[in-house]
């Protein structure tokens, strides 16, 4: 099939644009693969994602929007949380506001530089990737850098993310990281189920009531439910969480490499108008950096040290 193409754009393309609000967007399209909308001005996060025309990502009432300006404090992060398939949390705080840092940190509101696209033929597939560098720095203090690469391809529902986080500064720096993977209707709707190999499941608080493993009809007045699962890695060192969706006829599996992301959180909010499932591989808790510091589990990068984290989304008909 590839030999018969006059131009690879026929089956796989990357299109850069600017929205009415002025922020950058980059759309990766792949025939019979996962198509994505990346936002370079929002940490090069993945906002929209579709497989065979089925939307995968949850979109909040905020919707797609540009970065918030200024220092993010307290719960400011929520004002800019449009959802999307993958929203990155960190690099200096994850979870509850802590030690002067706001909810979920600021990396998703930093612009990416050196954004570039590559495309190549791999057997019978055409592969397209987008990469860039996102920095969270101050003139005289911290210098954290996130280099990320997204990859999708024709003929297969597989989206890959590889991140390299570096401490470019002269001092050790706390560097918690969490991937907020957000699924909504029609994929996550009544009848959908979640499966994972969890040895232990821990509710964050009294609001975290079961069931956590299936989508419910919207519940008026429901509050968010947050769990941490101790997910068992396979022999290849990767963990997995799988959603089966009768409404769409699709199975979505989120996989992550346990070496860089040893913890896993789940966010469920079944209230009307929200109805979301968040799958959250992480290297930290969602209680904020002070809690992790007190527990002796705060991730820290030494000067010059780097950390590699890998994540992938696979989508296919069930079976």
Protein backbone atom coordinates (compact mmCIF):
# COMPACT_ATOMS: atom_id res chain seq x y z
CA UNK A 1 0.00 0.00 0.00
CA UNK A 2 2.78 2.45 0.93
CA UNK A 3 4.50 1.96 -2.46
CA UNK A 4 1.36 3.16 -4.21
CA UNK A 5 1.26 6.55 -2.48
CA UNK A 6 2.37 9.70 -4.29
CA UNK A 7 2.47 11.61 -0.98
CA UNK A 8 2.47 10.35 2.59
CA UNK A 9 0.06 13.17 3.50
CA UNK A 10 -2.66 10.97 2.04
CA UNK A 11 -2.53 8.70 5.09
CA UNK A 12 -0.49 10.51 7.74
CA UNK A 13 0.03 14.22 8.35
CA UNK A 14 0.92 16.92 10.87
CA UNK A 15 -0.80 20.30 10.68
CA UNK A 16 0.22 23.32 12.77
CA UNK A 17 -2.27 26.13 13.40
CA UNK A 18 -3.28 28.90 15.78
CA UNK A 19 -6.66 29.17 17.45
CA UNK A 20 -8.82 32.28 17.73
CA UNK A 21 -7.31 32.77 21.17
CA UNK A 22 -3.83 32.81 19.64
CA UNK A 23 -2.39 29.65 21.17
CA UNK A 24 -0.68 27.00 19.06
CA UNK A 25 -2.15 23.64 18.07
CA UNK A 26 -0.60 20.68 16.28
CA UNK A 27 -2.86 18.01 14.79
CA UNK A 28 -1.39 14.57 14.04
CA UNK A 29 -3.53 12.45 11.74
CA UNK A 30 -2.93 8.80 10.95
CA UNK A 31 -5.21 6.61 8.85
CA UNK A 32 -6.69 3.81 10.97
CA UNK A 33 -4.63 5.00 13.94
CA UNK A 34 -5.03 7.34 16.92
CA UNK A 35 -5.38 10.96 15.79
CA UNK A 36 -4.37 13.63 18.28
CA UNK A 37 -4.48 17.36 18.93
CA UNK A 38 -1.39 18.58 20.77
CA UNK A 39 -1.15 22.00 22.43
CA UNK A 40 2.43 23.35 22.38
CA UNK A 41 1.50 26.33 24.56
CA UNK A 42 0.05 23.99 27.19
CA UNK A 43 3.18 21.95 27.87
CA UNK A 44 2.76 20.05 24.57
CA UNK A 45 -0.03 18.10 26.24
CA UNK A 46 -2.47 15.96 24.24
CA UNK A 47 -5.94 17.48 24.29
CA UNK A 48 -8.15 15.77 21.72
CA UNK A 49 -7.74 12.15 20.61
CA UNK A 50 -9.85 9.97 18.30
CA UNK A 51 -9.75 6.39 17.06
CA UNK A 52 -11.83 5.48 14.00
CA UNK A 53 -13.85 8.63 14.65
CA UNK A 54 -14.58 7.80 18.30
CA UNK A 55 -13.49 10.52 20.76
CA UNK A 56 -11.33 9.13 23.56
CA UNK A 57 -10.70 12.17 25.74
CA UNK A 58 -12.91 13.75 28.36
CA UNK A 59 -13.50 17.48 27.86
CA UNK A 60 -14.51 19.59 30.86
CA UNK A 61 -16.76 22.63 30.90
CA UNK A 62 -13.58 24.75 30.52
CA UNK A 63 -12.81 23.17 27.15
CA UNK A 64 -9.70 23.79 25.09
CA UNK A 65 -7.97 26.99 26.15
CA UNK A 66 -4.57 28.62 26.35
CA UNK A 67 -2.29 28.83 29.37
CA UNK A 68 -3.11 30.84 32.47
CA UNK A 69 -0.71 33.70 33.06
CA UNK A 70 1.21 34.41 36.24
CA UNK A 71 1.93 32.23 39.24
CA UNK A 72 -0.65 29.52 39.84
CA UNK A 73 -1.74 29.33 43.47
CA UNK A 74 -4.24 27.31 45.47
CA UNK A 75 -6.79 25.80 43.05
CA UNK A 76 -6.04 28.10 40.08
CA UNK A 77 -5.14 25.01 38.01
CA UNK A 78 -8.82 24.07 37.81
CA UNK A 79 -9.66 27.29 35.95
CA UNK A 80 -7.51 26.08 33.07
CA UNK A 81 -8.30 22.36 33.27
CA UNK A 82 -10.09 21.57 30.03
CA UNK A 83 -9.53 17.87 30.46
CA UNK A 84 -8.00 16.32 27.35
CA UNK A 85 -6.48 12.90 26.91
CA UNK A 86 -3.26 13.67 28.81
CA UNK A 87 -2.69 16.67 31.10
CA UNK A 88 0.75 16.71 32.74
CA UNK A 89 0.99 17.57 36.44
CA UNK A 90 4.22 18.78 38.08
CA UNK A 91 7.08 19.48 37.85
CA UNK A 92 7.41 21.05 41.29
CA UNK A 93 4.14 19.92 42.89
CA UNK A 94 1.46 17.30 42.26
CA UNK A 95 -1.89 17.13 44.00
CA UNK A 96 -2.97 19.37 46.86
CA UNK A 97 -1.46 22.89 47.12
CA UNK A 98 1.73 22.60 49.16
CA UNK A 99 4.75 24.61 50.26
CA UNK A 100 3.63 27.65 48.26
CA UNK A 101 2.86 25.67 45.09
CA UNK A 102 -0.63 25.41 43.65
CA UNK A 103 -2.69 22.35 42.79
CA UNK A 104 -0.88 20.11 40.28
CA UNK A 105 1.92 22.58 39.56
CA UNK A 106 2.55 24.72 36.49
CA UNK A 107 4.16 22.57 33.78
CA UNK A 108 0.94 22.30 31.74
CA UNK A 109 0.87 26.10 31.47
CA UNK A 110 4.40 26.47 30.10
CA UNK A 111 5.10 26.87 26.36
CA UNK A 112 7.10 24.28 24.45
CA UNK A 113 10.09 25.41 22.40
CA UNK A 114 11.94 23.67 19.56
CA UNK A 115 8.72 21.95 18.48
CA UNK A 116 9.42 19.71 15.53
CA UNK A 117 7.76 16.94 13.55
CA UNK A 118 9.29 13.82 12.02
CA UNK A 119 7.69 11.25 9.73
CA UNK A 120 8.99 7.98 8.35
CA UNK A 121 7.94 4.65 6.84
CA UNK A 122 8.22 1.57 9.05
CA UNK A 123 7.29 -1.52 7.06
CA UNK A 124 3.65 -1.09 6.06
CA UNK A 125 3.06 1.74 8.52
CA UNK A 126 3.68 5.47 8.32
CA UNK A 127 4.86 6.88 11.67
CA UNK A 128 4.63 10.52 12.73
CA UNK A 129 6.09 12.07 15.86
CA UNK A 130 6.07 15.51 17.48
CA UNK A 131 8.61 16.63 20.06
CA UNK A 132 9.54 19.71 22.02
CA UNK A 133 11.11 21.01 25.21
CA UNK A 134 9.13 22.51 28.10
CA UNK A 135 10.98 24.38 30.85
CA UNK A 136 9.99 25.36 34.37
CA UNK A 137 12.69 27.78 35.50
CA UNK A 138 13.51 30.93 37.43
CA UNK A 139 16.35 33.36 36.82
CA UNK A 140 18.23 32.53 40.03
CA UNK A 141 16.65 29.29 41.20
CA UNK A 142 15.19 26.08 39.82
CA UNK A 143 15.87 24.92 36.25
CA UNK A 144 13.76 21.90 35.40
CA UNK A 145 13.31 20.80 31.79
CA UNK A 146 10.94 18.31 30.20
CA UNK A 147 11.80 16.97 26.73
CA UNK A 148 8.87 15.04 25.30
CA UNK A 149 8.03 13.06 22.19
CA UNK A 150 4.61 11.88 21.02
CA UNK A 151 4.34 9.15 18.35
CA UNK A 152 1.36 7.73 16.46
CA UNK A 153 1.11 5.58 13.34
CA UNK A 154 -1.19 4.31 10.62
CA UNK A 155 -2.94 0.96 10.88
CA UNK A 156 -2.67 0.63 14.65
CA UNK A 157 -4.33 2.24 17.66
CA UNK A 158 -1.14 3.08 19.54
CA UNK A 159 -0.09 6.47 20.88
CA UNK A 160 3.28 6.67 22.66
CA UNK A 161 4.74 9.32 24.95
CA UNK A 162 8.37 9.41 26.07
CA UNK A 163 9.46 12.16 28.49
CA UNK A 164 12.93 13.01 29.74
CA UNK A 165 12.95 15.28 32.81
CA UNK A 166 16.26 16.98 33.63
CA UNK A 167 17.53 19.12 36.46
CA UNK A 168 19.66 21.80 34.76
CA UNK A 169 20.16 23.74 37.99
CA UNK A 170 22.91 23.67 40.63
CA UNK A 171 20.76 22.34 43.49
CA UNK A 172 18.71 19.18 44.07
CA UNK A 173 15.09 19.82 43.07
CA UNK A 174 11.85 18.06 44.03
CA UNK A 175 10.36 16.81 40.76
CA UNK A 176 7.01 15.03 41.26
CA UNK A 177 5.23 14.00 38.05
CA UNK A 178 1.74 12.67 37.29
CA UNK A 179 -0.02 12.02 34.00
CA UNK A 180 -3.71 12.95 34.23
CA UNK A 181 -5.25 10.65 31.57
CA UNK A 182 -8.91 11.64 31.21
CA UNK A 183 -11.61 9.46 29.66
CA UNK A 184 -15.24 10.46 29.19
CA UNK A 185 -18.38 9.69 27.24
CA UNK A 186 -19.01 7.92 24.99
CA UNK A 187 -16.01 5.75 25.89
CA UNK A 188 -16.50 5.99 29.66
CA UNK A 189 -20.26 5.74 30.12
CA UNK A 190 -22.67 3.42 31.93
CA UNK A 191 -21.66 -0.18 31.28
CA UNK A 192 -17.94 0.52 30.79
CA UNK A 193 -15.54 -1.37 33.06
CA UNK A 194 -12.01 -0.84 34.34
CA UNK A 195 -9.62 -3.74 34.93
CA UNK A 196 -6.17 -3.61 36.52
CA UNK A 197 -3.95 -5.95 38.48
CA UNK A 198 -4.06 -4.20 41.85
CA UNK A 199 -2.66 -5.86 44.94
CA UNK A 200 -3.94 -3.13 47.25
CA UNK A 201 -6.48 -0.32 46.74
CA UNK A 202 -6.46 2.67 49.10
CA UNK A 203 -9.20 5.37 49.16
CA UNK A 204 -7.89 8.90 49.61
CA UNK A 205 -10.74 9.90 51.96
CA UNK A 206 -14.32 9.07 52.96
CA UNK A 207 -15.66 10.32 49.61
CA UNK A 208 -13.81 7.54 47.79
CA UNK A 209 -16.55 4.93 47.84
CA UNK A 210 -16.81 1.90 45.59
CA UNK A 211 -17.38 0.74 42.95
CA UNK A 212 -14.25 2.04 41.25
CA UNK A 213 -14.17 -0.57 38.49
CA UNK A 214 -17.21 0.42 36.41
CA UNK A 215 -18.92 3.50 35.06
CA UNK A 216 -22.20 4.50 36.71
CA UNK A 217 -25.18 6.48 35.59
CA UNK A 218 -24.63 10.13 36.63
CA UNK A 219 -25.34 10.65 40.34
CA UNK A 220 -26.74 14.07 41.36
CA UNK A 221 -24.67 15.61 44.13
CA UNK A 222 -21.84 13.10 43.80
CA UNK A 223 -18.35 14.17 44.87
CA UNK A 224 -15.04 13.20 43.33
CA UNK A 225 -13.58 9.84 44.33
CA UNK A 226 -9.83 9.27 44.43
CA UNK A 227 -8.05 5.95 44.95
CA UNK A 228 -4.46 4.78 44.87
CA UNK A 229 -3.88 1.28 43.50
CA UNK A 230 -0.70 -0.74 43.94
CA UNK A 231 -0.61 -2.08 40.39
CA UNK A 232 1.52 -5.14 39.69
CA UNK A 233 3.92 -4.78 36.75
CA UNK A 234 4.28 -7.51 34.15
CA UNK A 235 7.49 -9.32 33.31
CA UNK A 236 8.33 -6.55 30.83
CA UNK A 237 8.29 -3.99 33.64
CA UNK A 238 5.11 -2.27 32.41
CA UNK A 239 1.79 -1.80 34.22
CA UNK A 240 -1.62 -1.62 32.56
CA UNK A 241 -5.19 -0.42 33.13
CA UNK A 242 -7.87 -1.51 30.64
CA UNK A 243 -11.25 0.04 29.90
CA UNK A 244 -13.86 -1.97 27.98
CA UNK A 245 -16.58 0.20 26.49
CA UNK A 246 -19.76 -1.49 25.23
CA UNK A 247 -21.11 1.87 24.02
CA UNK A 248 -18.26 2.27 21.52
CA UNK A 249 -17.20 -1.34 20.99
CA UNK A 250 -13.64 -0.38 21.91
CA UNK A 251 -11.04 -1.49 24.43
CA UNK A 252 -8.55 1.14 25.63
CA UNK A 253 -5.45 0.08 27.51
CA UNK A 254 -3.19 2.57 29.24
CA UNK A 255 0.33 1.22 29.79
CA UNK A 256 3.20 2.81 31.69
CA UNK A 257 6.73 1.79 32.61
CA UNK A 258 6.83 1.12 36.33
CA UNK A 259 10.49 2.09 36.78
CA UNK A 260 9.73 5.77 36.19
CA UNK A 261 6.11 5.74 37.35
CA UNK A 262 5.85 3.42 40.36
CA UNK A 263 2.53 4.76 41.68
CA UNK A 264 -0.99 4.84 40.20
CA UNK A 265 -4.00 6.94 41.16
CA UNK A 266 -7.58 6.85 39.93
CA UNK A 267 -9.96 9.80 39.82
CA UNK A 268 -13.68 9.23 39.32
CA UNK A 269 -16.32 11.96 39.31
CA UNK A 270 -19.80 10.60 38.51
CA UNK A 271 -21.76 13.85 38.92
CA UNK A 272 -24.03 14.97 36.03
CA UNK A 273 -22.17 17.13 33.55
CA UNK A 274 -18.81 15.71 34.65
CA UNK A 275 -18.86 11.87 34.45
CA UNK A 276 -15.11 11.35 34.09
CA UNK A 277 -12.53 8.66 34.72
CA UNK A 278 -8.97 9.77 35.38
CA UNK A 279 -6.15 7.22 35.14
CA UNK A 280 -3.01 8.69 36.73
CA UNK A 281 0.40 7.01 36.59
CA UNK A 282 2.79 8.96 38.83
CA UNK A 283 5.99 8.94 40.85
CA UNK A 284 4.35 10.60 43.87
CA UNK A 285 1.14 10.91 45.89
CA UNK A 286 -1.69 13.38 45.22
CA UNK A 287 -1.35 14.91 48.68
CA UNK A 288 1.24 17.53 47.78
CA UNK A 289 5.01 17.71 48.17
CA UNK A 290 4.96 18.40 51.91
CA UNK A 291 3.12 15.12 52.54
CA UNK A 292 5.56 13.22 50.32
CA UNK A 293 8.50 14.88 52.03
CA UNK A 294 7.16 13.88 55.47
CA UNK A 295 6.66 10.31 54.23
CA UNK A 296 10.21 10.17 52.85
CA UNK A 297 8.85 9.62 49.32
CA UNK A 298 9.36 12.99 47.64
CA UNK A 299 10.97 12.46 44.18
CA UNK A 300 14.11 14.58 43.83
CA UNK A 301 16.45 15.12 40.89
CA UNK A 302 20.08 15.88 41.66
CA UNK A 303 21.95 18.51 39.61
CA UNK A 304 22.50 17.11 36.12
CA UNK A 305 20.29 14.08 36.77
CA UNK A 306 17.63 13.00 34.29
CA UNK A 307 14.61 10.72 34.52
CA UNK A 308 12.85 8.88 31.67
CA UNK A 309 9.13 8.11 31.84
CA UNK A 310 7.14 6.18 29.25
CA UNK A 311 3.42 5.96 28.64
CA UNK A 312 1.28 4.55 25.86
CA UNK A 313 -2.40 4.35 24.94
CA UNK A 314 -3.60 1.37 22.91
CA UNK A 315 -7.09 1.15 21.41
CA UNK A 316 -8.71 -1.75 19.60
CA UNK A 317 -11.98 -3.64 19.26
CA UNK A 318 -12.36 -5.90 22.33
CA UNK A 319 -11.17 -9.48 22.20
